[in-house]
Amino acid sequence: MTVSCESCRHFRRKPYEAPHTGCYHLDLMVVKQKESILDEQQTPGDHRKLNLLGDCEHFSARPEKPSLLKRLLGG
């Protein structure tokens, strides 16, 4: 089964800082910070190398986004 990094909950894309696009799984990050105020100093793992064959063992599907109506009603 081939998986895509873009559909994984650990993948984050930060367009304003290209080096910070990648896999934010705790076991695969290069540099991780304990303090939430230091999130910008975290360095994610290179998703291209980690999922080279499309069989990442840490893949976890993103939760489905609620519909616009549910978000407006707060549920």
N, C-alpha and C. Protein backbone atom coordinates (compact mmCIF):
# COMPACT_ATOMS: atom_id res chain seq x y z
N MET A 1 0.84 -1.18 0.00
CA MET A 1 0.00 0.00 0.00
C MET A 1 0.88 1.25 0.00
N THR A 2 0.71 2.08 -0.98
CA THR A 2 1.49 3.31 -1.10
C THR A 2 0.77 4.44 -0.36
N VAL A 3 1.52 5.15 0.47
CA VAL A 3 0.95 6.27 1.22
C VAL A 3 1.59 7.57 0.78
N SER A 4 0.85 8.64 0.92
CA SER A 4 1.34 9.96 0.53
C SER A 4 1.56 10.80 1.79
N CYS A 5 2.68 11.47 1.85
CA CYS A 5 3.00 12.30 3.02
C CYS A 5 1.98 13.42 3.21
N GLU A 6 1.45 13.97 2.13
CA GLU A 6 0.52 15.09 2.22
C GLU A 6 -0.79 14.69 2.91
N SER A 7 -1.12 13.41 2.95
CA SER A 7 -2.35 12.98 3.61
C SER A 7 -2.09 12.42 5.01
N CYS A 8 -0.89 12.62 5.54
CA CYS A 8 -0.54 12.16 6.88
C CYS A 8 -0.71 13.28 7.89
N ARG A 9 -1.13 12.94 9.10
CA ARG A 9 -1.33 13.97 10.12
C ARG A 9 -0.02 14.56 10.64
N HIS A 10 1.10 13.90 10.42
CA HIS A 10 2.38 14.39 10.90
C HIS A 10 3.07 15.33 9.91
N PHE A 11 2.55 15.42 8.69
CA PHE A 11 3.15 16.27 7.66
C PHE A 11 2.63 17.70 7.80
N ARG A 12 3.55 18.65 7.80
CA ARG A 12 3.17 20.07 7.85
C ARG A 12 3.93 20.81 6.75
N ARG A 13 3.24 21.70 6.11
CA ARG A 13 3.84 22.53 5.07
C ARG A 13 3.81 23.96 5.56
N LYS A 14 4.98 24.57 5.64
CA LYS A 14 5.07 25.96 6.06
C LYS A 14 5.65 26.75 4.90
N PRO A 15 4.80 27.39 4.10
CA PRO A 15 5.27 28.06 2.89
C PRO A 15 6.20 29.23 3.16
N TYR A 16 6.11 29.83 4.34
CA TYR A 16 6.97 30.97 4.62
C TYR A 16 8.38 30.57 4.99
N GLU A 17 8.59 29.29 5.32
CA GLU A 17 9.93 28.80 5.63
C GLU A 17 10.09 27.41 5.02
N ALA A 18 10.63 27.35 3.84
CA ALA A 18 10.73 26.09 3.12
C ALA A 18 11.45 24.97 3.88
N PRO A 19 12.52 25.25 4.64
CA PRO A 19 13.19 24.14 5.33
C PRO A 19 12.33 23.50 6.42
N HIS A 20 11.25 24.16 6.83
CA HIS A 20 10.42 23.62 7.89
C HIS A 20 9.22 22.85 7.36
N THR A 21 9.26 22.43 6.13
CA THR A 21 8.23 21.58 5.55
C THR A 21 8.71 20.14 5.67
N GLY A 22 7.89 19.28 6.27
CA GLY A 22 8.31 17.89 6.40
C GLY A 22 7.52 17.13 7.42
N CYS A 23 8.12 16.05 7.93
CA CYS A 23 7.47 15.13 8.85
C CYS A 23 7.73 15.55 10.30
N TYR A 24 6.66 15.81 11.02
CA TYR A 24 6.77 16.24 12.41
C TYR A 24 6.42 15.10 13.38
N HIS A 25 6.64 13.87 12.98
CA HIS A 25 6.45 12.75 13.91
C HIS A 25 7.58 12.82 14.93
N LEU A 26 7.26 12.63 16.21
CA LEU A 26 8.26 12.82 17.26
C LEU A 26 9.50 11.96 17.11
N ASP A 27 9.36 10.76 16.57
CA ASP A 27 10.51 9.88 16.41
C ASP A 27 11.36 10.21 15.18
N LEU A 28 10.81 10.98 14.25
CA LEU A 28 11.50 11.23 12.99
C LEU A 28 12.05 12.65 12.84
N MET A 29 11.78 13.50 13.81
CA MET A 29 12.25 14.88 13.72
C MET A 29 13.75 14.95 14.00
N VAL A 30 14.43 15.88 13.35
CA VAL A 30 15.86 16.08 13.55
C VAL A 30 16.08 16.83 14.86
N VAL A 31 15.36 17.92 15.08
CA VAL A 31 15.45 18.71 16.29
C VAL A 31 14.05 18.94 16.81
N LYS A 32 13.80 18.60 18.06
CA LYS A 32 12.49 18.84 18.65
C LYS A 32 12.65 19.63 19.94
N GLN A 33 11.70 20.49 20.21
CA GLN A 33 11.74 21.34 21.39
C GLN A 33 10.60 20.95 22.32
N LYS A 34 10.84 21.01 23.62
CA LYS A 34 9.80 20.68 24.60
C LYS A 34 8.87 21.86 24.83
N GLU A 35 9.40 23.05 24.76
CA GLU A 35 8.61 24.25 25.02
C GLU A 35 7.82 24.64 23.77
N SER A 36 6.54 24.93 23.93
CA SER A 36 5.71 25.29 22.78
C SER A 36 6.12 26.63 22.18
N ILE A 37 6.77 27.49 22.97
CA ILE A 37 7.20 28.79 22.43
C ILE A 37 8.39 28.64 21.49
N LEU A 38 9.02 27.48 21.49
CA LEU A 38 10.19 27.24 20.64
C LEU A 38 9.85 26.41 19.41
N ASP A 39 8.57 26.34 19.05
CA ASP A 39 8.14 25.52 17.91
C ASP A 39 8.84 25.91 16.61
N GLU A 40 9.16 27.17 16.44
CA GLU A 40 9.80 27.62 15.20
C GLU A 40 11.22 27.09 15.07
N GLN A 41 11.81 26.63 16.16
CA GLN A 41 13.17 26.10 16.11
C GLN A 41 13.20 24.60 15.83
N GLN A 42 12.06 23.98 15.72
CA GLN A 42 12.01 22.55 15.41
C GLN A 42 12.40 22.31 13.96
N THR A 43 13.08 21.22 13.75
CA THR A 43 13.46 20.83 12.39
C THR A 43 12.83 19.48 12.08
N PRO A 44 11.93 19.44 11.10
CA PRO A 44 11.25 18.18 10.79
C PRO A 44 12.15 17.23 10.02
N GLY A 45 11.74 15.97 9.96
CA GLY A 45 12.44 14.99 9.14
C GLY A 45 12.14 15.22 7.66
N ASP A 46 13.06 14.83 6.81
CA ASP A 46 12.88 15.00 5.37
C ASP A 46 11.88 13.95 4.88
N HIS A 47 10.68 14.39 4.55
CA HIS A 47 9.62 13.46 4.17
C HIS A 47 9.92 12.73 2.87
N ARG A 48 10.73 13.31 2.00
CA ARG A 48 11.06 12.64 0.74
C ARG A 48 11.93 11.40 0.99
N LYS A 49 12.88 11.52 1.92
CA LYS A 49 13.76 10.40 2.23
C LYS A 49 13.06 9.36 3.10
N LEU A 50 12.23 9.81 4.03
CA LEU A 50 11.56 8.89 4.95
C LEU A 50 10.52 8.04 4.25
N ASN A 51 9.87 8.59 3.25
CA ASN A 51 8.81 7.87 2.54
C ASN A 51 9.22 7.60 1.09
N LEU A 52 10.45 7.25 0.90
CA LEU A 52 11.00 7.05 -0.45
C LEU A 52 10.25 5.97 -1.22
N LEU A 53 9.90 4.90 -0.56
CA LEU A 53 9.21 3.79 -1.22
C LEU A 53 7.69 3.87 -1.07
N GLY A 54 7.20 4.88 -0.36
CA GLY A 54 5.76 5.04 -0.17
C GLY A 54 5.18 4.09 0.87
N ASP A 55 6.02 3.62 1.79
CA ASP A 55 5.54 2.67 2.80
C ASP A 55 5.93 3.11 4.21
N CYS A 56 5.71 4.35 4.53
CA CYS A 56 6.08 4.89 5.84
C CYS A 56 5.32 4.15 6.94
N GLU A 57 6.05 3.61 7.91
CA GLU A 57 5.41 2.86 9.00
C GLU A 57 4.75 3.77 10.02
N HIS A 58 5.07 5.05 10.00
CA HIS A 58 4.50 6.01 10.95
C HIS A 58 3.32 6.77 10.36
N PHE A 59 2.83 6.34 9.21
CA PHE A 59 1.72 7.02 8.55
C PHE A 59 0.45 6.93 9.40
N SER A 60 -0.20 8.06 9.54
CA SER A 60 -1.49 8.13 10.24
C SER A 60 -2.35 9.12 9.47
N ALA A 61 -3.49 8.65 9.00
CA ALA A 61 -4.34 9.49 8.15
C ALA A 61 -4.84 10.71 8.90
N ARG A 62 -4.94 11.82 8.16
CA ARG A 62 -5.49 13.04 8.75
C ARG A 62 -6.96 12.85 9.05
N PRO A 63 -7.42 13.45 10.16
CA PRO A 63 -8.86 13.38 10.42
C PRO A 63 -9.62 14.19 9.37
N GLU A 64 -10.81 13.75 9.04
CA GLU A 64 -11.59 14.43 8.03
C GLU A 64 -12.05 15.78 8.56
N LYS A 65 -11.94 16.79 7.72
CA LYS A 65 -12.34 18.14 8.11
C LYS A 65 -13.86 18.23 8.16
N PRO A 66 -14.42 18.80 9.24
CA PRO A 66 -15.88 18.92 9.31
C PRO A 66 -16.41 19.86 8.24
N SER A 67 -17.65 19.68 7.88
CA SER A 67 -18.25 20.52 6.86
C SER A 67 -18.36 21.97 7.36
N LEU A 68 -18.55 22.88 6.44
CA LEU A 68 -18.67 24.29 6.78
C LEU A 68 -19.85 24.53 7.71
N LEU A 69 -20.94 23.84 7.47
CA LEU A 69 -22.13 24.01 8.33
C LEU A 69 -21.83 23.56 9.76
N LYS A 70 -21.14 22.43 9.93
CA LYS A 70 -20.80 21.97 11.27
C LYS A 70 -19.84 22.93 11.96
N ARG A 71 -18.91 23.50 11.21
CA ARG A 71 -17.96 24.45 11.81
C ARG A 71 -18.68 25.72 12.23
N LEU A 72 -19.64 26.19 11.43
CA LEU A 72 -20.39 27.39 11.78
C LEU A 72 -21.30 27.19 12.98
N LEU A 73 -21.84 25.99 13.11
CA LEU A 73 -22.74 25.69 14.24
C LEU A 73 -21.96 25.29 15.50
N GLY A 74 -20.65 25.12 15.37
CA GLY A 74 -19.83 24.80 16.52
C GLY A 74 -19.84 23.34 16.92
N GLY A 75 -20.15 22.48 16.02
CA GLY A 75 -20.21 21.07 16.36
C GLY A 75 -19.39 20.27 15.49
